[in-house]
């Protein structure tokens, strides 16, 4: 069933990231699950909710790491039940929280999801999927998967227009291609290209070729930097994040010539 800009799947509301801004104009839900592989969308989604609800962030905002919640959620539930001070809502943001079905059967947790506070918002920000959370009542799922080219081009053009800079559709598509549709990189590269176009007022194909590293080249740079700092854990993580065998093959060849 479609309600406004979001779908109701059983008792869980579902929307794509690009629908969140409009949804917030209509209604703020008590529990948001921002889930998906694109870190930019997860971060931006949480910001949109906070900007909508908070007038005094220092008094009404708490951030918690999910790994610290293994001993129970009593402190988080208690925080959510505190009335906001000089603000419309109180917000508790929990990152990377993957509870089991048993965890969510705790009395205080179950009761909160069934009847959440109308003066607080719980934002859960996860890079991976959590089936247990998606089955809870009153959860609004915001899909933060990687964007398609149409959304990316609209974003790039929007940022350029704000700065008084022109950019064509083919150039936008090239930026998306070089960044493998990763919005975190696209946002940074777009900002850099806009600065570069300060005088010409146009982002050109030549500027993209000059300034935007292709994703494999960028990952090679990241790994070399991590290895130089002896941060092998993060270097290995970059390798793990590469999705296709062909990309890994190209990267290993690049690393060989960089490090030999």
Protein backbone atom coordinates (compact mmCIF):
# COMPACT_ATOMS: atom_id res chain seq x y z
CA UNK A 1 0.00 0.00 0.00
CA UNK A 2 1.29 3.45 -0.95
CA UNK A 3 0.87 6.27 1.56
CA UNK A 4 2.14 9.69 0.42
CA UNK A 5 5.71 9.06 -0.70
CA UNK A 6 6.30 5.86 1.24
CA UNK A 7 5.21 2.24 1.16
CA UNK A 8 3.67 0.36 4.04
CA UNK A 9 5.05 -3.16 4.12
CA UNK A 10 3.03 -4.93 6.81
CA UNK A 11 3.72 -2.59 9.73
CA UNK A 12 7.04 -1.21 8.49
CA UNK A 13 7.12 2.02 6.48
CA UNK A 14 9.57 1.97 3.56
CA UNK A 15 10.99 4.79 1.46
CA UNK A 16 14.01 5.48 -0.70
CA UNK A 17 16.53 8.05 0.50
CA UNK A 18 15.46 10.60 -2.11
CA UNK A 19 11.90 10.50 -0.69
CA UNK A 20 12.97 11.30 2.87
CA UNK A 21 13.11 15.09 2.56
CA UNK A 22 9.53 15.33 1.27
CA UNK A 23 8.31 12.82 3.85
CA UNK A 24 9.75 14.93 6.70
CA UNK A 25 7.71 17.90 5.49
CA UNK A 26 4.56 15.84 6.00
CA UNK A 27 5.35 13.86 9.14
CA UNK A 28 8.19 12.82 11.45
CA UNK A 29 8.12 9.16 12.44
CA UNK A 30 9.27 7.90 15.86
CA UNK A 31 11.83 5.32 14.64
CA UNK A 32 14.01 5.52 11.51
CA UNK A 33 16.23 2.71 10.23
CA UNK A 34 18.70 4.18 7.70
CA UNK A 35 20.12 1.12 6.01
CA UNK A 36 22.31 0.58 2.95
CA UNK A 37 25.77 0.64 1.44
CA UNK A 38 26.02 4.35 0.62
CA UNK A 39 27.59 6.12 3.60
CA UNK A 40 26.80 9.57 2.19
CA UNK A 41 23.08 8.84 2.09
CA UNK A 42 23.12 7.37 5.60
CA UNK A 43 24.91 10.43 6.99
CA UNK A 44 22.78 12.87 5.01
CA UNK A 45 19.57 11.11 6.01
CA UNK A 46 20.41 11.39 9.70
CA UNK A 47 21.26 15.08 9.19
CA UNK A 48 17.90 15.77 7.51
CA UNK A 49 16.00 14.23 10.43
CA UNK A 50 18.10 16.10 13.01
CA UNK A 51 17.74 19.42 11.18
CA UNK A 52 13.98 18.95 11.07
CA UNK A 53 13.60 18.08 14.77
CA UNK A 54 16.35 19.80 16.76
CA UNK A 55 16.49 23.42 17.83
CA UNK A 56 18.94 22.80 20.69
CA UNK A 57 21.17 19.85 19.64
CA UNK A 58 23.48 20.18 22.65
CA UNK A 59 20.54 19.55 24.98
CA UNK A 60 18.44 17.06 23.04
CA UNK A 61 20.78 14.82 21.04
CA UNK A 62 22.58 11.64 22.06
CA UNK A 63 24.71 9.40 19.85
CA UNK A 64 25.46 5.79 20.80
CA UNK A 65 27.61 3.12 19.16
CA UNK A 66 25.70 -0.11 18.63
CA UNK A 67 28.58 -2.21 19.93
CA UNK A 68 28.06 -0.72 23.40
CA UNK A 69 24.46 -1.95 23.57
CA UNK A 70 25.19 -5.63 24.09
CA UNK A 71 24.52 -5.31 27.80
CA UNK A 72 21.01 -3.95 27.22
CA UNK A 73 19.05 -0.96 25.99
CA UNK A 74 17.73 0.38 29.26
CA UNK A 75 19.83 3.56 29.09
CA UNK A 76 18.75 4.26 25.49
CA UNK A 77 15.07 3.67 26.28
CA UNK A 78 15.36 5.92 29.33
CA UNK A 79 16.96 8.63 27.17
CA UNK A 80 14.15 8.40 24.62
CA UNK A 81 11.57 8.91 27.36
CA UNK A 82 13.12 12.20 28.54
CA UNK A 83 11.12 15.24 27.40
CA UNK A 84 12.97 17.59 25.00
CA UNK A 85 14.17 20.95 26.30
CA UNK A 86 13.54 24.02 24.10
CA UNK A 87 13.16 21.75 21.07
CA UNK A 88 10.38 19.99 19.17
CA UNK A 89 11.91 16.55 19.59
CA UNK A 90 14.65 14.68 21.38
CA UNK A 91 16.87 12.47 19.20
CA UNK A 92 18.88 9.36 20.02
CA UNK A 93 21.08 8.11 17.17
CA UNK A 94 22.46 4.56 17.27
CA UNK A 95 25.05 3.46 14.71
CA UNK A 96 25.84 -0.08 13.52
CA UNK A 97 23.34 -1.85 15.78
CA UNK A 98 22.38 -5.39 14.80
CA UNK A 99 20.27 -6.89 17.59
CA UNK A 100 19.02 -10.45 17.51
CA UNK A 101 15.32 -11.29 17.66
CA UNK A 102 15.91 -12.31 21.30
CA UNK A 103 17.46 -8.90 22.10
CA UNK A 104 14.33 -7.20 20.81
CA UNK A 105 12.07 -9.32 22.99
CA UNK A 106 13.35 -7.61 26.14
CA UNK A 107 10.33 -6.13 27.88
CA UNK A 108 11.45 -2.48 27.79
CA UNK A 109 12.53 -2.70 24.13
CA UNK A 110 9.40 -4.46 22.93
CA UNK A 111 7.18 -2.00 24.77
CA UNK A 112 9.03 0.98 23.30
CA UNK A 113 8.73 -0.20 19.69
CA UNK A 114 5.03 -0.93 20.24
CA UNK A 115 4.37 2.47 21.78
CA UNK A 116 7.25 4.91 21.10
CA UNK A 117 7.44 8.37 22.62
CA UNK A 118 5.81 11.10 20.52
CA UNK A 119 8.45 13.63 21.66
CA UNK A 120 11.52 11.57 20.71
CA UNK A 121 13.00 10.11 17.54
CA UNK A 122 15.23 7.04 17.44
CA UNK A 123 17.56 7.01 14.41
CA UNK A 124 19.35 3.72 13.69
CA UNK A 125 22.13 4.03 11.08
CA UNK A 126 23.38 0.69 9.70
CA UNK A 127 25.60 -0.13 6.73
CA UNK A 128 24.26 -3.71 6.59
CA UNK A 129 20.77 -5.17 6.74
CA UNK A 130 18.99 -6.10 9.98
CA UNK A 131 15.96 -8.32 9.46
CA UNK A 132 15.20 -8.29 13.19
CA UNK A 133 14.85 -4.49 13.25
CA UNK A 134 12.77 -4.43 10.06
CA UNK A 135 10.21 -6.69 11.73
CA UNK A 136 9.61 -4.28 14.60
CA UNK A 137 6.50 -2.13 14.82
CA UNK A 138 6.70 1.60 14.08
CA UNK A 139 9.99 1.30 12.16
CA UNK A 140 10.44 3.52 9.09
CA UNK A 141 13.03 1.97 6.77
CA UNK A 142 15.00 4.41 4.61
CA UNK A 143 16.83 2.59 1.82
CA UNK A 144 20.32 4.08 1.43
CA UNK A 145 21.57 1.89 -1.39
CA UNK A 146 23.83 3.32 -4.09
CA UNK A 147 22.04 5.81 -6.32
CA UNK A 148 21.46 5.37 -10.03
CA UNK A 149 22.89 7.77 -12.62
CA UNK A 150 19.72 9.87 -12.83
CA UNK A 151 19.79 10.71 -9.12
CA UNK A 152 23.55 11.31 -9.15
CA UNK A 153 23.35 13.65 -12.15
CA UNK A 154 20.50 15.54 -10.51
CA UNK A 155 22.62 15.94 -7.37
CA UNK A 156 25.69 17.17 -9.28
CA UNK A 157 23.63 19.63 -11.33
CA UNK A 158 21.89 20.87 -8.19
CA UNK A 159 25.19 21.56 -6.41
CA UNK A 160 26.63 23.24 -9.50
CA UNK A 161 23.55 25.43 -9.98
CA UNK A 162 23.73 26.61 -6.37
CA UNK A 163 27.30 27.75 -7.06
CA UNK A 164 26.40 29.40 -10.38
CA UNK A 165 28.32 26.79 -12.38
CA UNK A 166 27.15 24.91 -15.49
CA UNK A 167 27.62 21.18 -16.07
CA UNK A 168 26.32 18.96 -18.87
CA UNK A 169 24.66 15.54 -18.53
CA UNK A 170 27.60 13.65 -20.15
CA UNK A 171 30.05 15.28 -17.72
CA UNK A 172 27.82 14.32 -14.78
CA UNK A 173 27.74 10.74 -16.03
CA UNK A 174 31.53 10.66 -16.32
CA UNK A 175 31.88 11.82 -12.69
CA UNK A 176 29.48 9.06 -11.63
CA UNK A 177 31.40 6.47 -13.67
CA UNK A 178 34.80 7.48 -12.27
CA UNK A 179 33.44 7.32 -8.72
CA UNK A 180 31.50 4.06 -9.28
CA UNK A 181 28.30 5.79 -8.10
CA UNK A 182 29.76 6.26 -4.60
CA UNK A 183 28.02 9.39 -3.30
CA UNK A 184 30.64 10.07 -0.62
CA UNK A 185 33.28 10.44 -3.32
CA UNK A 186 30.92 12.16 -5.75
CA UNK A 187 30.08 14.87 -3.20
CA UNK A 188 33.79 15.54 -2.56
CA UNK A 189 34.75 15.49 -6.24
CA UNK A 190 31.82 17.75 -7.17
CA UNK A 191 32.90 20.29 -4.56
CA UNK A 192 36.46 20.17 -5.92
CA UNK A 193 35.28 20.61 -9.52
CA UNK A 194 33.04 23.54 -8.58
CA UNK A 195 36.00 25.27 -6.91
CA UNK A 196 38.12 24.61 -10.01
CA UNK A 197 35.40 26.19 -12.20
CA UNK A 198 35.38 29.41 -10.15
CA UNK A 199 36.39 31.58 -13.12
CA UNK A 200 35.06 29.63 -16.11
CA UNK A 201 31.70 28.85 -14.43
CA UNK A 202 31.62 25.46 -16.16
CA UNK A 203 32.67 21.94 -15.16
CA UNK A 204 34.25 20.53 -18.30
CA UNK A 205 35.15 17.03 -19.45
CA UNK A 206 38.81 18.07 -19.35
CA UNK A 207 38.49 19.14 -15.71
CA UNK A 208 37.04 15.75 -14.77
CA UNK A 209 39.91 13.97 -16.55
CA UNK A 210 42.42 16.20 -14.78
CA UNK A 211 41.02 16.20 -11.24
CA UNK A 212 38.90 13.09 -10.65
CA UNK A 213 40.80 9.86 -10.08
CA UNK A 214 39.14 6.68 -11.30
CA UNK A 215 37.91 4.53 -8.41
CA UNK A 216 40.64 1.89 -8.74
CA UNK A 217 43.33 4.59 -8.81
CA UNK A 218 41.75 6.23 -5.77
CA UNK A 219 41.67 2.93 -3.85
CA UNK A 220 45.33 2.33 -4.76
CA UNK A 221 46.17 5.74 -3.30
CA UNK A 222 44.18 4.95 -0.13
CA UNK A 223 45.91 1.59 0.40
CA UNK A 224 49.39 3.04 -0.17
CA UNK A 225 48.63 5.81 2.35
CA UNK A 226 47.40 3.30 4.95
CA UNK A 227 50.43 1.06 4.43
CA UNK A 228 52.78 4.05 4.75
CA UNK A 229 51.18 4.75 8.15
CA UNK A 230 51.36 1.02 9.01
CA UNK A 231 47.57 1.01 9.30
CA UNK A 232 47.21 -2.47 7.84
CA UNK A 233 43.71 -3.01 9.20
CA UNK A 234 42.23 -0.19 7.12
CA UNK A 235 44.36 -1.10 4.10
CA UNK A 236 42.88 -4.61 4.21
CA UNK A 237 39.38 -3.17 4.64
CA UNK A 238 39.73 -1.20 1.39
CA UNK A 239 40.70 -4.45 -0.36
CA UNK A 240 37.70 -6.24 1.13
CA UNK A 241 35.33 -3.53 -0.11
CA UNK A 242 36.25 -4.13 -3.76
CA UNK A 243 33.37 -6.08 -5.23
CA UNK A 244 34.55 -7.64 -8.51
CA UNK A 245 37.53 -9.93 -9.31
CA UNK A 246 38.51 -7.78 -12.31
CA UNK A 247 38.77 -4.67 -10.12
CA UNK A 248 40.90 -6.58 -7.61
CA UNK A 249 43.18 -7.78 -10.40
CA UNK A 250 43.70 -4.23 -11.70
CA UNK A 251 44.27 -2.97 -8.17
CA UNK A 252 46.89 -5.61 -7.36
CA UNK A 253 48.82 -4.74 -10.52
CA UNK A 254 48.67 -1.03 -9.61
CA UNK A 255 49.83 -1.76 -6.07
CA UNK A 256 52.72 -3.87 -7.35
CA UNK A 257 54.09 -0.95 -9.37
CA UNK A 258 53.45 1.51 -6.52
CA UNK A 259 55.17 -0.55 -3.81
CA UNK A 260 57.96 -2.45 -5.56
